[in-house]
C-alpha atoms as a PDB file:
ATOM      1  CA  MET A   1     171.553 156.390  64.444  1.00  0.00           C
ATOM      2  CA  PRO A   2     169.889 156.808  61.055  1.00  0.00           C
ATOM      3  CA  LEU A   3     166.134 157.097  60.919  1.00  0.00           C
ATOM      4  CA  VAL A   4     164.474 155.076  58.193  1.00  0.00           C
ATOM      5  CA  ARG A   5     161.908 157.308  56.557  1.00  0.00           C
ATOM      6  CA  TYR A   6     158.566 155.983  55.479  1.00  0.00           C
ATOM      7  CA  ARG A   7     155.047 157.331  55.437  1.00  0.00           C
ATOM      8  CA  VAL A   8     152.849 156.056  58.249  1.00  0.00           C
ATOM      9  CA  GLU A   9     150.748 159.234  58.407  1.00  0.00           C
ATOM     10  CA  ASP A  10     151.376 159.719  62.121  1.00  0.00           C
ATOM     11  CA  ARG A  11     150.465 163.147  63.427  1.00  0.00           C
ATOM     12  CA  GLY A  12     152.699 164.852  65.937  1.00  0.00           C
ATOM     13  CA  ARG A  13     153.704 168.183  67.363  1.00  0.00           C
ATOM     14  CA  LEU A  14     157.187 169.692  67.257  1.00  0.00           C
ATOM     15  CA  LEU A  15     158.663 171.749  70.071  1.00  0.00           C
ATOM     16  CA  PRO A  16     159.697 175.284  69.111  1.00  0.00           C
ATOM     17  CA  ASP A  17     163.080 174.976  70.880  1.00  0.00           C
ATOM     18  CA  PRO A  18     166.004 172.855  69.681  1.00  0.00           C
ATOM     19  CA  CYS A  19     167.156 169.776  71.543  1.00  0.00           C
ATOM     20  CA  ARG A  20     168.947 170.310  74.874  1.00  0.00           C
ATOM     21  CA  CYS A  21     171.840 168.256  73.541  1.00  0.00           C
ATOM     22  CA  GLY A  22     172.782 171.163  71.285  1.00  0.00           C
ATOM     23  CA  ARG A  23     171.866 169.640  67.944  1.00  0.00           C
ATOM     24  CA  PRO A  24     169.797 171.963  65.739  1.00  0.00           C
ATOM     25  CA  HIS A  25     167.220 169.368  64.695  1.00  0.00           C
ATOM     26  CA  PRO A  26     163.511 169.624  65.562  1.00  0.00           C
ATOM     27  CA  VAL A  27     162.294 167.828  68.676  1.00  0.00           C
ATOM     28  CA  LEU A  28     159.099 165.805  68.668  1.00  0.00           C
ATOM     29  CA  ALA A  29     156.806 166.759  71.567  1.00  0.00           C
ATOM     30  CA  ASP A  30     153.812 164.441  71.137  1.00  0.00           C
ATOM     31  CA  ILE A  31     152.442 161.721  68.923  1.00  0.00           C
ATOM     32  CA  GLU A  32     148.762 162.471  68.375  1.00  0.00           C
ATOM     33  CA  GLY A  33     147.863 159.358  66.391  1.00  0.00           C
ATOM     34  CA  ARG A  34     147.480 158.566  62.740  1.00  0.00           C
ATOM     35  CA  SER A  35     145.870 161.117  60.453  1.00  0.00           C
ATOM     36  CA  GLY A  36     143.439 158.452  59.228  1.00  0.00           C
ATOM     37  CA  GLU A  37     142.285 158.016  62.823  1.00  0.00           C
ATOM     38  CA  LEU A  38     141.059 161.600  63.167  1.00  0.00           C
ATOM     39  CA  LEU A  39     137.337 162.243  62.970  1.00  0.00           C
ATOM     40  CA  VAL A  40     135.436 165.523  62.760  1.00  0.00           C
ATOM     41  CA  ALA A  41     132.626 166.485  65.116  1.00  0.00           C
ATOM     42  CA  ALA A  42     129.589 168.362  63.798  1.00  0.00           C
ATOM     43  CA  ASP A  43     131.033 171.646  65.154  1.00  0.00           C
ATOM     44  CA  GLY A  44     134.278 171.116  63.211  1.00  0.00           C
ATOM     45  CA  ARG A  45     136.459 169.899  66.093  1.00  0.00           C
ATOM     46  CA  ARG A  46     138.970 167.248  65.078  1.00  0.00           C
ATOM     47  CA  VAL A  47     139.033 164.376  67.552  1.00  0.00           C
ATOM     48  CA  HIS A  48     141.001 161.185  67.756  1.00  0.00           C
ATOM     49  CA  GLY A  49     138.707 158.307  66.823  1.00  0.00           C
ATOM     50  CA  THR A  50     139.827 155.838  69.472  1.00  0.00           C
ATOM     51  CA  ALA A  51     139.315 158.291  72.337  1.00  0.00           C
ATOM     52  CA  ALA A  52     136.031 159.752  71.083  1.00  0.00           C
ATOM     53  CA  LEU A  53     134.401 156.502  70.008  1.00  0.00           C
ATOM     54  CA  GLY A  54     135.772 154.762  73.076  1.00  0.00           C
ATOM     55  CA  ALA A  55     133.734 157.312  75.058  1.00  0.00           C
ATOM     56  CA  VAL A  56     130.695 156.583  72.862  1.00  0.00           C
ATOM     57  CA  LEU A  57     131.006 152.850  73.547  1.00  0.00           C
ATOM     58  CA  LYS A  58     131.559 153.431  77.264  1.00  0.00           C
ATOM     59  CA  HIS A  59     128.380 155.531  77.434  1.00  0.00           C
ATOM     60  CA  ALA A  60     126.446 153.019  75.297  1.00  0.00           C
ATOM     61  CA  ALA A  61     127.555 150.226  77.648  1.00  0.00           C
ATOM     62  CA  THR A  62     125.616 151.964  80.431  1.00  0.00           C
ATOM     63  CA  LEU A  63     122.467 151.900  78.263  1.00  0.00           C
ATOM     64  CA  VAL A  64     122.478 148.519  76.500  1.00  0.00           C
ATOM     65  CA  PRO A  65     122.366 145.116  78.197  1.00  0.00           C
ATOM     66  CA  PRO A  66     125.611 143.177  78.550  1.00  0.00           C
ATOM     67  CA  HIS A  67     126.475 141.148  75.432  1.00  0.00           C
ATOM     68  CA  ALA A  68     123.944 143.057  73.303  1.00  0.00           C
ATOM     69  CA  ILE A  69     126.583 144.064  70.765  1.00  0.00           C
ATOM     70  CA  ALA A  70     129.050 141.483  69.507  1.00  0.00           C
ATOM     71  CA  ARG A  71     130.885 143.929  67.200  1.00  0.00           C
ATOM     72  CA  VAL A  72     130.325 147.452  65.991  1.00  0.00           C
ATOM     73  CA  LEU A  73     131.808 149.529  63.165  1.00  0.00           C
ATOM     74  CA  PHE A  74     131.299 153.311  63.124  1.00  0.00           C
ATOM     75  CA  LEU A  75     131.621 154.793  59.636  1.00  0.00           C
ATOM     76  CA  GLN A  76     131.848 158.582  59.487  1.00  0.00           C
ATOM     77  CA  GLN A  77     130.644 159.707  56.074  1.00  0.00           C
ATOM     78  CA  ASP A  78     131.007 163.451  56.797  1.00  0.00           C
ATOM     79  CA  PRO A  79     131.013 165.555  60.005  1.00  0.00           C
ATOM     80  CA  ARG A  80     127.243 165.204  60.397  1.00  0.00           C
ATOM     81  CA  SER A  81     126.571 161.830  58.848  1.00  0.00           C
ATOM     82  CA  TRP A  82     127.281 158.399  60.298  1.00  0.00           C
ATOM     83  CA  ARG A  83     126.523 154.816  59.434  1.00  0.00           C
ATOM     84  CA  VAL A  84     126.882 152.287  62.242  1.00  0.00           C
ATOM     85  CA  LEU A  85     127.127 148.582  61.498  1.00  0.00           C
ATOM     86  CA  VAL A  86     126.144 146.360  64.411  1.00  0.00           C
ATOM     87  CA  GLN A  87     126.730 142.642  64.686  1.00  0.00           C
ATOM     88  CA  PRO A  88     124.161 141.785  67.362  1.00  0.00           C
ATOM     89  CA  GLY A  89     124.907 139.723  70.430  1.00  0.00           C
ATOM     90  CA  PRO A  90     122.496 137.376  72.205  1.00  0.00           C
ATOM     91  CA  THR A  91     120.791 140.117  74.268  1.00  0.00           C
ATOM     92  CA  PHE A  92     120.405 142.683  71.453  1.00  0.00           C
ATOM     93  CA  GLY A  93     116.980 144.345  71.513  1.00  0.00           C
ATOM     94  CA  ASP A  94     114.900 146.726  69.404  1.00  0.00           C
ATOM     95  CA  GLU A  95     115.824 149.718  71.615  1.00  0.00           C
ATOM     96  CA  ASP A  96     119.594 149.252  71.306  1.00  0.00           C
ATOM     97  CA  PRO A  97     120.081 151.036  67.939  1.00  0.00           C
ATOM     98  CA  GLY A  98     118.463 154.165  69.431  1.00  0.00           C
ATOM     99  CA  ARG A  99     120.795 153.954  72.411  1.00  0.00           C
ATOM    100  CA  LEU A 100     123.824 153.828  70.109  1.00  0.00           C
ATOM    101  CA  ILE A 101     122.493 156.845  68.211  1.00  0.00           C
ATOM    102  CA  GLU A 102     122.031 158.731  71.492  1.00  0.00           C
ATOM    103  CA  SER A 103     125.595 157.957  72.561  1.00  0.00           C
ATOM    104  CA  LEU A 104     127.090 158.968  69.207  1.00  0.00           C
ATOM    105  CA  ARG A 105     125.167 162.267  69.114  1.00  0.00           C
ATOM    106  CA  ARG A 106     126.208 163.002  72.698  1.00  0.00           C
ATOM    107  CA  THR A 107     129.861 162.981  71.609  1.00  0.00           C
ATOM    108  CA  PHE A 108     129.771 164.229  67.998  1.00  0.00           C
ATOM    109  CA  GLY A 109     126.765 166.586  68.022  1.00  0.00           C
ATOM    110  CA  ALA A 110     122.996 166.375  68.400  1.00  0.00           C
ATOM    111  CA  GLU A 111     122.512 167.379  64.756  1.00  0.00           C
ATOM    112  CA  CYS A 112     124.305 164.272  63.436  1.00  0.00           C
ATOM    113  CA  HIS A 113     122.298 161.979  61.185  1.00  0.00           C
ATOM    114  CA  VAL A 114     122.992 158.393  62.260  1.00  0.00           C
ATOM    115  CA  ARG A 115     121.852 155.255  60.455  1.00  0.00           C
ATOM    116  CA  VAL A 116     122.256 151.941  62.287  1.00  0.00           C
ATOM    117  CA  ASP A 117     122.332 148.771  60.205  1.00  0.00           C
ATOM    118  CA  VAL A 118     122.185 145.379  61.892  1.00  0.00           C
ATOM    119  CA  VAL A 119     124.381 142.957  59.938  1.00  0.00           C
ATOM    120  CA  PRO A 120     125.082 139.244  60.402  1.00  0.00           C
ATOM    121  CA  GLU A 121     128.850 139.765  60.502  1.00  0.00           C
ATOM    122  CA  ILE A 122     131.399 142.583  60.465  1.00  0.00           C
ATOM    123  CA  PRO A 123     134.374 141.338  58.455  1.00  0.00           C
ATOM    124  CA  ARG A 124     138.025 141.805  59.312  1.00  0.00           C
ATOM    125  CA  GLU A 125     140.180 144.390  57.537  1.00  0.00           C
ATOM    126  CA  PRO A 126     142.481 143.092  54.770  1.00  0.00           C
ATOM    127  CA  SER A 127     145.248 143.114  57.419  1.00  0.00           C
ATOM    128  CA  GLY A 128     143.228 140.646  59.501  1.00  0.00           C
ATOM    129  CA  LYS A 129     142.438 143.197  62.213  1.00  0.00           C
ATOM    130  CA  PHE A 130     139.031 144.257  63.452  1.00  0.00           C
ATOM    131  CA  ARG A 131     138.439 148.005  63.444  1.00  0.00           C
ATOM    132  CA  PHE A 132     135.595 149.664  65.266  1.00  0.00           C
ATOM    133  CA  TYR A 133     135.649 152.913  63.279  1.00  0.00           C
ATOM    134  CA  ARG A 134     136.668 154.335  59.945  1.00  0.00           C
ATOM    135  CA  SER A 135     136.446 157.814  58.448  1.00  0.00           C
ATOM    136  CA  ALA A 136     135.192 158.408  54.912  1.00  0.00           C
ATOM    137  CA  ALA A 137     138.694 159.403  53.758  1.00  0.00           C
ATOM    138  CA  ALA A 138     140.254 156.235  55.183  1.00  0.00           C
ATOM    139  CA  ARG A 139     137.466 154.089  53.707  1.00  0.00           C
ATOM    140  CA  ALA A 140     138.043 155.639  50.267  1.00  0.00           C
ATOM    141  CA  GLU A 141     141.770 154.851  50.521  1.00  0.00           C
ATOM    142  CA  LEU A 142     140.964 151.285  51.543  1.00  0.00           C
ATOM    143  CA  GLU A 143     138.556 150.819  48.626  1.00  0.00           C
ATOM    144  CA  LEU A 144     141.126 152.218  46.199  1.00  0.00           C
ATOM    145  CA  GLY A 145     143.813 149.951  47.605  1.00  0.00           C
ATOM    146  CA  THR A 146     146.060 152.859  48.613  1.00  0.00           C
ATOM    147  CA  MET A 147     146.213 152.223  52.362  1.00  0.00           C
ATOM    148  CA  VAL A 148     149.565 151.205  53.741  1.00  0.00           C
END
């Protein structure tokens, strides 16, 4: 079956051995996610955004009251600099930005500078989806209109 080739910027890992069927083509071992979904921790580790920021949100959920955050958008500007947009929910309080900062630093490094901005609304992406994180590289592509 032919494979239609197009660039989706998925990241994967190839196995060193050929396929057991005898064909000499490379074999895909894992799909690690899209390259635009990788973030960098303060110590240089590359982490998948959904897993890492999912952990941040899970930890934050233990610290903030239920329904305190309606939507959140984590924007990584560089490995040690973050901007977090928060659309507050009905129980959002003055302590909640600090709790988000604590959760983010716990995962990405204590030396991270984090700025939390409370905004009335976090808009959808041009595709109509809501994203809860974006790296600086992906944001630059989006602003330039080069994202696929």
